[in-house]
Each structure stands twice: as structure tokens, then as C-alpha cells.
All heavy atoms as atom14 arrays in JSON, in Angstrom:
{
  "sequence": "LGFLGNEAVAVYRIRVGRKIGSAALVADGLHARTDGF",
  "atom14_mask": [
    [1, 1, 1, 1, 1, 1, 1, 1, 0, 0, 0, 0, 0, 0],
    [1, 1, 1, 1, 0, 0, 0, 0, 0, 0, 0, 0, 0, 0],
    [1, 1, 1, 1, 1, 1, 1, 1, 1, 1, 1, 0, 0, 0],
    [1, 1, 1, 1, 1, 1, 1, 1, 0, 0, 0, 0, 0, 0],
    [1, 1, 1, 1, 0, 0, 0, 0, 0, 0, 0, 0, 0, 0],
    [1, 1, 1, 1, 1, 1, 1, 1, 0, 0, 0, 0, 0, 0],
    [1, 1, 1, 1, 1, 1, 1, 1, 1, 0, 0, 0, 0, 0],
    [1, 1, 1, 1, 1, 0, 0, 0, 0, 0, 0, 0, 0, 0],
    [1, 1, 1, 1, 1, 1, 1, 0, 0, 0, 0, 0, 0, 0],
    [1, 1, 1, 1, 1, 0, 0, 0, 0, 0, 0, 0, 0, 0],
    [1, 1, 1, 1, 1, 1, 1, 0, 0, 0, 0, 0, 0, 0],
    [1, 1, 1, 1, 1, 1, 1, 1, 1, 1, 1, 1, 0, 0],
    [1, 1, 1, 1, 1, 1, 1, 1, 1, 1, 1, 0, 0, 0],
    [1, 1, 1, 1, 1, 1, 1, 1, 0, 0, 0, 0, 0, 0],
    [1, 1, 1, 1, 1, 1, 1, 1, 1, 1, 1, 0, 0, 0],
    [1, 1, 1, 1, 1, 1, 1, 0, 0, 0, 0, 0, 0, 0],
    [1, 1, 1, 1, 0, 0, 0, 0, 0, 0, 0, 0, 0, 0],
    [1, 1, 1, 1, 1, 1, 1, 1, 1, 1, 1, 0, 0, 0],
    [1, 1, 1, 1, 1, 1, 1, 1, 1, 0, 0, 0, 0, 0],
    [1, 1, 1, 1, 1, 1, 1, 1, 0, 0, 0, 0, 0, 0],
    [1, 1, 1, 1, 0, 0, 0, 0, 0, 0, 0, 0, 0, 0],
    [1, 1, 1, 1, 1, 1, 0, 0, 0, 0, 0, 0, 0, 0],
    [1, 1, 1, 1, 1, 0, 0, 0, 0, 0, 0, 0, 0, 0],
    [1, 1, 1, 1, 1, 0, 0, 0, 0, 0, 0, 0, 0, 0],
    [1, 1, 1, 1, 1, 1, 1, 1, 0, 0, 0, 0, 0, 0],
    [1, 1, 1, 1, 1, 1, 1, 0, 0, 0, 0, 0, 0, 0],
    [1, 1, 1, 1, 1, 0, 0, 0, 0, 0, 0, 0, 0, 0],
    [1, 1, 1, 1, 1, 1, 1, 1, 0, 0, 0, 0, 0, 0],
    [1, 1, 1, 1, 0, 0, 0, 0, 0, 0, 0, 0, 0, 0],
    [1, 1, 1, 1, 1, 1, 1, 1, 0, 0, 0, 0, 0, 0],
    [1, 1, 1, 1, 1, 1, 1, 1, 1, 1, 0, 0, 0, 0],
    [1, 1, 1, 1, 1, 0, 0, 0, 0, 0, 0, 0, 0, 0],
    [1, 1, 1, 1, 1, 1, 1, 1, 1, 1, 1, 0, 0, 0],
    [1, 1, 1, 1, 1, 1, 1, 0, 0, 0, 0, 0, 0, 0],
    [1, 1, 1, 1, 1, 1, 1, 1, 0, 0, 0, 0, 0, 0],
    [1, 1, 1, 1, 0, 0, 0, 0, 0, 0, 0, 0, 0, 0],
    [1, 1, 1, 1, 1, 1, 1, 1, 1, 1, 1, 0, 0, 0]
  ],
  "atom14_positions": [
    [[5.06, -9.49, 12.52], [5.39, -9.91, 11.16], [4.3, -9.47, 10.19], [4.58, -8.95, 9.09], [5.55, -11.43, 11.1], [5.78, -12.03, 9.7], [7.09, -11.54, 9.11], [5.77, -13.56, 9.77], [0.0, 0.0, 0.0], [0.0, 0.0, 0.0], [0.0, 0.0, 0.0], [0.0, 0.0, 0.0], [0.0, 0.0, 0.0], [0.0, 0.0, 0.0]],
    [[3.04, -9.65, 10.59], [1.93, -9.25, 9.73], [1.93, -7.75, 9.48], [1.69, -7.29, 8.36], [0.0, 0.0, 0.0], [0.0, 0.0, 0.0], [0.0, 0.0, 0.0], [0.0, 0.0, 0.0], [0.0, 0.0, 0.0], [0.0, 0.0, 0.0], [0.0, 0.0, 0.0], [0.0, 0.0, 0.0], [0.0, 0.0, 0.0], [0.0, 0.0, 0.0]],
    [[2.21, -6.98, 10.53], [2.25, -5.52, 10.38], [3.37, -5.09, 9.45], [3.16, -4.28, 8.54], [2.43, -4.86, 11.75], [2.72, -3.38, 11.66], [1.72, -2.49, 11.3], [3.99, -2.9, 11.91], [1.99, -1.12, 11.2], [4.27, -1.55, 11.81], [3.26, -0.66, 11.46], [0.0, 0.0, 0.0], [0.0, 0.0, 0.0], [0.0, 0.0, 0.0]],
    [[4.57, -5.64, 9.66], [5.71, -5.25, 8.83], [5.51, -5.64, 7.37], [5.81, -4.86, 6.46], [6.99, -5.89, 9.37], [7.46, -5.41, 10.75], [8.69, -6.18, 11.2], [7.74, -3.91, 10.73], [0.0, 0.0, 0.0], [0.0, 0.0, 0.0], [0.0, 0.0, 0.0], [0.0, 0.0, 0.0], [0.0, 0.0, 0.0], [0.0, 0.0, 0.0]],
    [[4.97, -6.86, 7.15], [4.73, -7.3, 5.77], [3.71, -6.42, 5.06], [3.91, -5.99, 3.92], [0.0, 0.0, 0.0], [0.0, 0.0, 0.0], [0.0, 0.0, 0.0], [0.0, 0.0, 0.0], [0.0, 0.0, 0.0], [0.0, 0.0, 0.0], [0.0, 0.0, 0.0], [0.0, 0.0, 0.0], [0.0, 0.0, 0.0], [0.0, 0.0, 0.0]],
    [[2.6, -6.12, 5.75], [1.57, -5.29, 5.15], [2.03, -3.86, 4.93], [1.71, -3.24, 3.91], [0.32, -5.29, 6.04], [-0.58, -6.48, 5.78], [-1.28, -6.56, 4.78], [-0.55, -7.45, 6.69], [0.0, 0.0, 0.0], [0.0, 0.0, 0.0], [0.0, 0.0, 0.0], [0.0, 0.0, 0.0], [0.0, 0.0, 0.0], [0.0, 0.0, 0.0]],
    [[2.78, -3.31, 5.88], [3.24, -1.93, 5.74], [4.24, -1.81, 4.59], [4.22, -0.82, 3.84], [3.86, -1.44, 7.05], [4.33, 0.0, 7.02], [3.22, 1.0, 6.74], [2.03, 0.66, 6.92], [3.54, 2.13, 6.32], [0.0, 0.0, 0.0], [0.0, 0.0, 0.0], [0.0, 0.0, 0.0], [0.0, 0.0, 0.0], [0.0, 0.0, 0.0]],
    [[5.12, -2.81, 4.44], [6.07, -2.78, 3.33], [5.32, -2.8, 1.99], [5.65, -2.05, 1.07], [7.03, -3.98, 3.43], [0.0, 0.0, 0.0], [0.0, 0.0, 0.0], [0.0, 0.0, 0.0], [0.0, 0.0, 0.0], [0.0, 0.0, 0.0], [0.0, 0.0, 0.0], [0.0, 0.0, 0.0], [0.0, 0.0, 0.0], [0.0, 0.0, 0.0]],
    [[4.31, -3.66, 1.9], [3.5, -3.73, 0.68], [2.74, -2.42, 0.46], [2.63, -1.92, -0.66], [2.53, -4.92, 0.74], [1.46, -4.83, -0.34], [3.3, -6.23, 0.61], [0.0, 0.0, 0.0], [0.0, 0.0, 0.0], [0.0, 0.0, 0.0], [0.0, 0.0, 0.0], [0.0, 0.0, 0.0], [0.0, 0.0, 0.0], [0.0, 0.0, 0.0]],
    [[2.22, -1.84, 1.56], [1.47, -0.58, 1.46], [2.35, 0.53, 0.91], [1.95, 1.26, 0.0], [0.91, -0.2, 2.82], [0.0, 0.0, 0.0], [0.0, 0.0, 0.0], [0.0, 0.0, 0.0], [0.0, 0.0, 0.0], [0.0, 0.0, 0.0], [0.0, 0.0, 0.0], [0.0, 0.0, 0.0], [0.0, 0.0, 0.0], [0.0, 0.0, 0.0]],
    [[3.55, 0.66, 1.46], [4.46, 1.71, 1.0], [4.8, 1.53, -0.47], [4.81, 2.49, -1.25], [5.75, 1.71, 1.86], [6.81, 2.62, 1.25], [5.43, 2.15, 3.29], [0.0, 0.0, 0.0], [0.0, 0.0, 0.0], [0.0, 0.0, 0.0], [0.0, 0.0, 0.0], [0.0, 0.0, 0.0], [0.0, 0.0, 0.0], [0.0, 0.0, 0.0]],
    [[5.03, 0.28, -0.87], [5.41, 0.0, -2.26], [4.25, 0.3, -3.21], [4.41, 0.96, -4.24], [5.83, -1.46, -2.37], [6.26, -1.9, -3.76], [7.16, -1.14, -4.5], [5.75, -3.06, -4.32], [7.55, -1.55, -5.77], [6.15, -3.47, -5.58], [7.04, -2.71, -6.3], [7.42, -3.1, -7.55], [0.0, 0.0, 0.0], [0.0, 0.0, 0.0]],
    [[3.05, -0.18, -2.87], [1.89, 0.05, -3.73], [1.58, 1.55, -3.85], [1.3, 2.04, -4.95], [0.67, -0.68, -3.18], [0.67, -2.18, -3.41], [-0.58, -2.8, -2.79], [-0.67, -4.24, -3.04], [-1.59, -5.03, -2.51], [-2.49, -4.52, -1.69], [-1.61, -6.33, -2.79], [0.0, 0.0, 0.0], [0.0, 0.0, 0.0], [0.0, 0.0, 0.0]],
    [[1.62, 2.25, -2.72], [1.31, 3.68, -2.75], [2.35, 4.44, -3.58], [2.0, 5.33, -4.35], [1.23, 4.23, -1.31], [-0.01, 3.66, -0.6], [1.19, 5.76, -1.31], [-0.07, 3.98, 0.88], [0.0, 0.0, 0.0], [0.0, 0.0, 0.0], [0.0, 0.0, 0.0], [0.0, 0.0, 0.0], [0.0, 0.0, 0.0], [0.0, 0.0, 0.0]],
    [[3.62, 4.08, -3.41], [4.68, 4.77, -4.16], [4.5, 4.56, -5.67], [4.56, 5.52, -6.44], [6.06, 4.26, -3.72], [7.22, 4.91, -4.47], [8.55, 4.5, -3.89], [8.77, 3.07, -3.99], [9.22, 2.46, -5.09], [9.47, 3.16, -6.19], [9.42, 1.16, -5.11], [0.0, 0.0, 0.0], [0.0, 0.0, 0.0], [0.0, 0.0, 0.0]],
    [[4.27, 3.32, -6.09], [4.08, 3.05, -7.51], [2.78, 3.68, -8.01], [2.72, 4.23, -9.11], [4.09, 1.54, -7.8], [3.78, 1.26, -9.26], [5.45, 0.94, -7.43], [0.0, 0.0, 0.0], [0.0, 0.0, 0.0], [0.0, 0.0, 0.0], [0.0, 0.0, 0.0], [0.0, 0.0, 0.0], [0.0, 0.0, 0.0], [0.0, 0.0, 0.0]],
    [[1.72, 3.62, -7.18], [0.45, 4.21, -7.56], [0.56, 5.7, -7.82], [0.0, 6.23, -8.78], [0.0, 0.0, 0.0], [0.0, 0.0, 0.0], [0.0, 0.0, 0.0], [0.0, 0.0, 0.0], [0.0, 0.0, 0.0], [0.0, 0.0, 0.0], [0.0, 0.0, 0.0], [0.0, 0.0, 0.0], [0.0, 0.0, 0.0], [0.0, 0.0, 0.0]],
    [[1.3, 6.39, -6.95], [1.52, 7.82, -7.16], [2.32, 8.07, -8.43], [2.03, 8.98, -9.21], [2.27, 8.42, -5.98], [1.49, 8.52, -4.68], [2.43, 9.02, -3.61], [1.78, 9.08, -2.32], [2.45, 9.28, -1.18], [3.78, 9.4, -1.23], [1.82, 9.35, -0.04], [0.0, 0.0, 0.0], [0.0, 0.0, 0.0], [0.0, 0.0, 0.0]],
    [[3.33, 7.24, -8.64], [4.22, 7.45, -9.78], [3.49, 7.33, -11.11], [3.69, 8.14, -12.02], [5.37, 6.44, -9.72], [6.37, 6.59, -10.86], [7.48, 5.56, -10.76], [8.45, 5.69, -11.94], [9.5, 4.66, -11.91], [0.0, 0.0, 0.0], [0.0, 0.0, 0.0], [0.0, 0.0, 0.0], [0.0, 0.0, 0.0], [0.0, 0.0, 0.0]],
    [[2.62, 6.32, -11.22], [1.93, 6.12, -12.49], [0.57, 6.8, -12.53], [-0.11, 6.75, -13.55], [1.77, 4.61, -12.8], [0.79, 3.94, -11.83], [3.12, 3.91, -12.8], [0.48, 2.5, -12.17], [0.0, 0.0, 0.0], [0.0, 0.0, 0.0], [0.0, 0.0, 0.0], [0.0, 0.0, 0.0], [0.0, 0.0, 0.0], [0.0, 0.0, 0.0]],
    [[0.16, 7.44, -11.42], [-1.1, 8.16, -11.4], [-2.31, 7.27, -11.2], [-3.4, 7.59, -11.67], [0.0, 0.0, 0.0], [0.0, 0.0, 0.0], [0.0, 0.0, 0.0], [0.0, 0.0, 0.0], [0.0, 0.0, 0.0], [0.0, 0.0, 0.0], [0.0, 0.0, 0.0], [0.0, 0.0, 0.0], [0.0, 0.0, 0.0], [0.0, 0.0, 0.0]],
    [[-2.17, 6.13, -10.5], [-3.27, 5.19, -10.31], [-3.88, 5.35, -8.92], [-3.29, 4.93, -7.92], [-2.78, 3.75, -10.5], [-3.79, 2.84, -10.16], [0.0, 0.0, 0.0], [0.0, 0.0, 0.0], [0.0, 0.0, 0.0], [0.0, 0.0, 0.0], [0.0, 0.0, 0.0], [0.0, 0.0, 0.0], [0.0, 0.0, 0.0], [0.0, 0.0, 0.0]],
    [[-5.08, 5.93, -8.86], [-5.77, 6.06, -7.58], [-6.16, 4.69, -7.02], [-6.18, 4.49, -5.81], [-7.02, 6.93, -7.75], [0.0, 0.0, 0.0], [0.0, 0.0, 0.0], [0.0, 0.0, 0.0], [0.0, 0.0, 0.0], [0.0, 0.0, 0.0], [0.0, 0.0, 0.0], [0.0, 0.0, 0.0], [0.0, 0.0, 0.0], [0.0, 0.0, 0.0]],
    [[-6.47, 3.74, -7.92], [-6.86, 2.41, -7.47], [-5.7, 1.68, -6.8], [-5.88, 1.01, -5.78], [-7.38, 1.59, -8.65], [0.0, 0.0, 0.0], [0.0, 0.0, 0.0], [0.0, 0.0, 0.0], [0.0, 0.0, 0.0], [0.0, 0.0, 0.0], [0.0, 0.0, 0.0], [0.0, 0.0, 0.0], [0.0, 0.0, 0.0], [0.0, 0.0, 0.0]],
    [[-4.49, 1.81, -7.35], [-3.33, 1.16, -6.76], [-2.97, 1.81, -5.41], [-2.58, 1.12, -4.47], [-2.13, 1.22, -7.7], [-0.89, 0.43, -7.29], [-1.23, -1.03, -7.02], [0.19, 0.52, -8.37], [0.0, 0.0, 0.0], [0.0, 0.0, 0.0], [0.0, 0.0, 0.0], [0.0, 0.0, 0.0], [0.0, 0.0, 0.0], [0.0, 0.0, 0.0]],
    [[-3.14, 3.12, -5.31], [-2.93, 3.8, -4.02], [-3.95, 3.28, -3.01], [-3.62, 3.0, -1.84], [-3.05, 5.32, -4.18], [-3.06, 6.0, -2.8], [-1.89, 5.86, -5.01], [0.0, 0.0, 0.0], [0.0, 0.0, 0.0], [0.0, 0.0, 0.0], [0.0, 0.0, 0.0], [0.0, 0.0, 0.0], [0.0, 0.0, 0.0], [0.0, 0.0, 0.0]],
    [[-5.22, 3.13, -3.43], [-6.25, 2.61, -2.53], [-5.92, 1.19, -2.09], [-6.14, 0.81, -0.94], [-7.61, 2.64, -3.23], [0.0, 0.0, 0.0], [0.0, 0.0, 0.0], [0.0, 0.0, 0.0], [0.0, 0.0, 0.0], [0.0, 0.0, 0.0], [0.0, 0.0, 0.0], [0.0, 0.0, 0.0], [0.0, 0.0, 0.0], [0.0, 0.0, 0.0]],
    [[-5.36, 0.39, -3.01], [-4.97, -0.98, -2.65], [-3.83, -0.95, -1.63], [-3.76, -1.8, -0.73], [-4.55, -1.74, -3.9], [-4.73, -3.24, -3.75], [-5.54, -3.65, -2.89], [-4.08, -4.0, -4.48], [0.0, 0.0, 0.0], [0.0, 0.0, 0.0], [0.0, 0.0, 0.0], [0.0, 0.0, 0.0], [0.0, 0.0, 0.0], [0.0, 0.0, 0.0]],
    [[-2.93, 0.03, -1.76], [-1.88, 0.19, -0.75], [-2.46, 0.56, 0.6], [-2.03, 0.06, 1.64], [0.0, 0.0, 0.0], [0.0, 0.0, 0.0], [0.0, 0.0, 0.0], [0.0, 0.0, 0.0], [0.0, 0.0, 0.0], [0.0, 0.0, 0.0], [0.0, 0.0, 0.0], [0.0, 0.0, 0.0], [0.0, 0.0, 0.0], [0.0, 0.0, 0.0]],
    [[-3.46, 1.43, 0.6], [-4.12, 1.8, 1.86], [-4.84, 0.6, 2.47], [-4.91, 0.47, 3.69], [-5.09, 2.94, 1.61], [-4.47, 4.29, 1.23], [-5.55, 5.3, 0.88], [-3.6, 4.82, 2.36], [0.0, 0.0, 0.0], [0.0, 0.0, 0.0], [0.0, 0.0, 0.0], [0.0, 0.0, 0.0], [0.0, 0.0, 0.0], [0.0, 0.0, 0.0]],
    [[-5.37, -0.26, 1.6], [-6.01, -1.48, 2.11], [-4.99, -2.36, 2.84], [-5.26, -2.9, 3.92], [-6.63, -2.25, 0.94], [-7.39, -3.47, 1.38], [-7.52, -4.58, 0.58], [-8.01, -3.77, 2.54], [-8.22, -5.51, 1.22], [-8.53, -5.04, 2.41], [0.0, 0.0, 0.0], [0.0, 0.0, 0.0], [0.0, 0.0, 0.0], [0.0, 0.0, 0.0]],
    [[-3.8, -2.51, 2.24], [-2.74, -3.27, 2.92], [-2.38, -2.63, 4.25], [-2.11, -3.32, 5.24], [-1.51, -3.36, 2.01], [0.0, 0.0, 0.0], [0.0, 0.0, 0.0], [0.0, 0.0, 0.0], [0.0, 0.0, 0.0], [0.0, 0.0, 0.0], [0.0, 0.0, 0.0], [0.0, 0.0, 0.0], [0.0, 0.0, 0.0], [0.0, 0.0, 0.0]],
    [[-2.4, -1.3, 4.29], [-2.08, -0.6, 5.54], [-3.12, -0.89, 6.62], [-2.79, -1.07, 7.79], [-1.98, 0.9, 5.28], [-1.67, 1.74, 6.49], [-1.11, 3.08, 6.08], [0.28, 2.94, 5.64], [0.93, 3.86, 4.93], [0.31, 4.97, 4.56], [2.19, 3.67, 4.59], [0.0, 0.0, 0.0], [0.0, 0.0, 0.0], [0.0, 0.0, 0.0]],
    [[-4.4, -0.95, 6.24], [-5.44, -1.26, 7.24], [-5.25, -2.67, 7.78], [-5.46, -2.92, 8.97], [-6.85, -1.15, 6.63], [-7.0, -2.1, 5.57], [-7.1, 0.25, 6.1], [0.0, 0.0, 0.0], [0.0, 0.0, 0.0], [0.0, 0.0, 0.0], [0.0, 0.0, 0.0], [0.0, 0.0, 0.0], [0.0, 0.0, 0.0], [0.0, 0.0, 0.0]],
    [[-4.84, -3.61, 6.93], [-4.59, -4.97, 7.4], [-3.38, -5.0, 8.32], [-3.3, -5.81, 9.26], [-4.37, -5.92, 6.22], [-5.68, -6.23, 5.49], [-6.74, -5.86, 6.03], [-5.63, -6.81, 4.42], [0.0, 0.0, 0.0], [0.0, 0.0, 0.0], [0.0, 0.0, 0.0], [0.0, 0.0, 0.0], [0.0, 0.0, 0.0], [0.0, 0.0, 0.0]],
    [[-2.41, -4.12, 8.05], [-1.27, -4.0, 8.96], [-1.7, -3.53, 10.33], [-1.2, -4.0, 11.36], [0.0, 0.0, 0.0], [0.0, 0.0, 0.0], [0.0, 0.0, 0.0], [0.0, 0.0, 0.0], [0.0, 0.0, 0.0], [0.0, 0.0, 0.0], [0.0, 0.0, 0.0], [0.0, 0.0, 0.0], [0.0, 0.0, 0.0], [0.0, 0.0, 0.0]],
    [[-2.66, -2.6, 10.35], [-3.19, -2.13, 11.63], [-3.85, -3.27, 12.4], [-3.73, -3.38, 13.62], [-4.24, -1.03, 11.39], [-3.65, 0.29, 10.93], [-4.44, 1.21, 10.26], [-2.32, 0.59, 11.16], [-3.91, 2.42, 9.83], [-1.78, 1.79, 10.73], [-2.57, 2.71, 10.07], [0.0, 0.0, 0.0], [0.0, 0.0, 0.0], [0.0, 0.0, 0.0]]
  ]
}
């Protein structure tokens, strides 16, 4: 459950971060991905 929740958040943050050009939001998505790991 923790992995799926974090990965879903990671994908969403990274997608929005790329769309608006925010490196910080992409990094926050990667942070969620590490917690998923």
C-alpha cells in the first residue's frame, strides 16, 4: 500500500512538474518515489 500510494503521488508530481517547468516539483515527486522504494 505504501509503495502504490507513493508511486501514484510520484507520477502525478513529476507529470505536473514537467508540464509547468518546475524542477522542484519534479524533485518532490522523486522524493515520493524513494519513499515508495
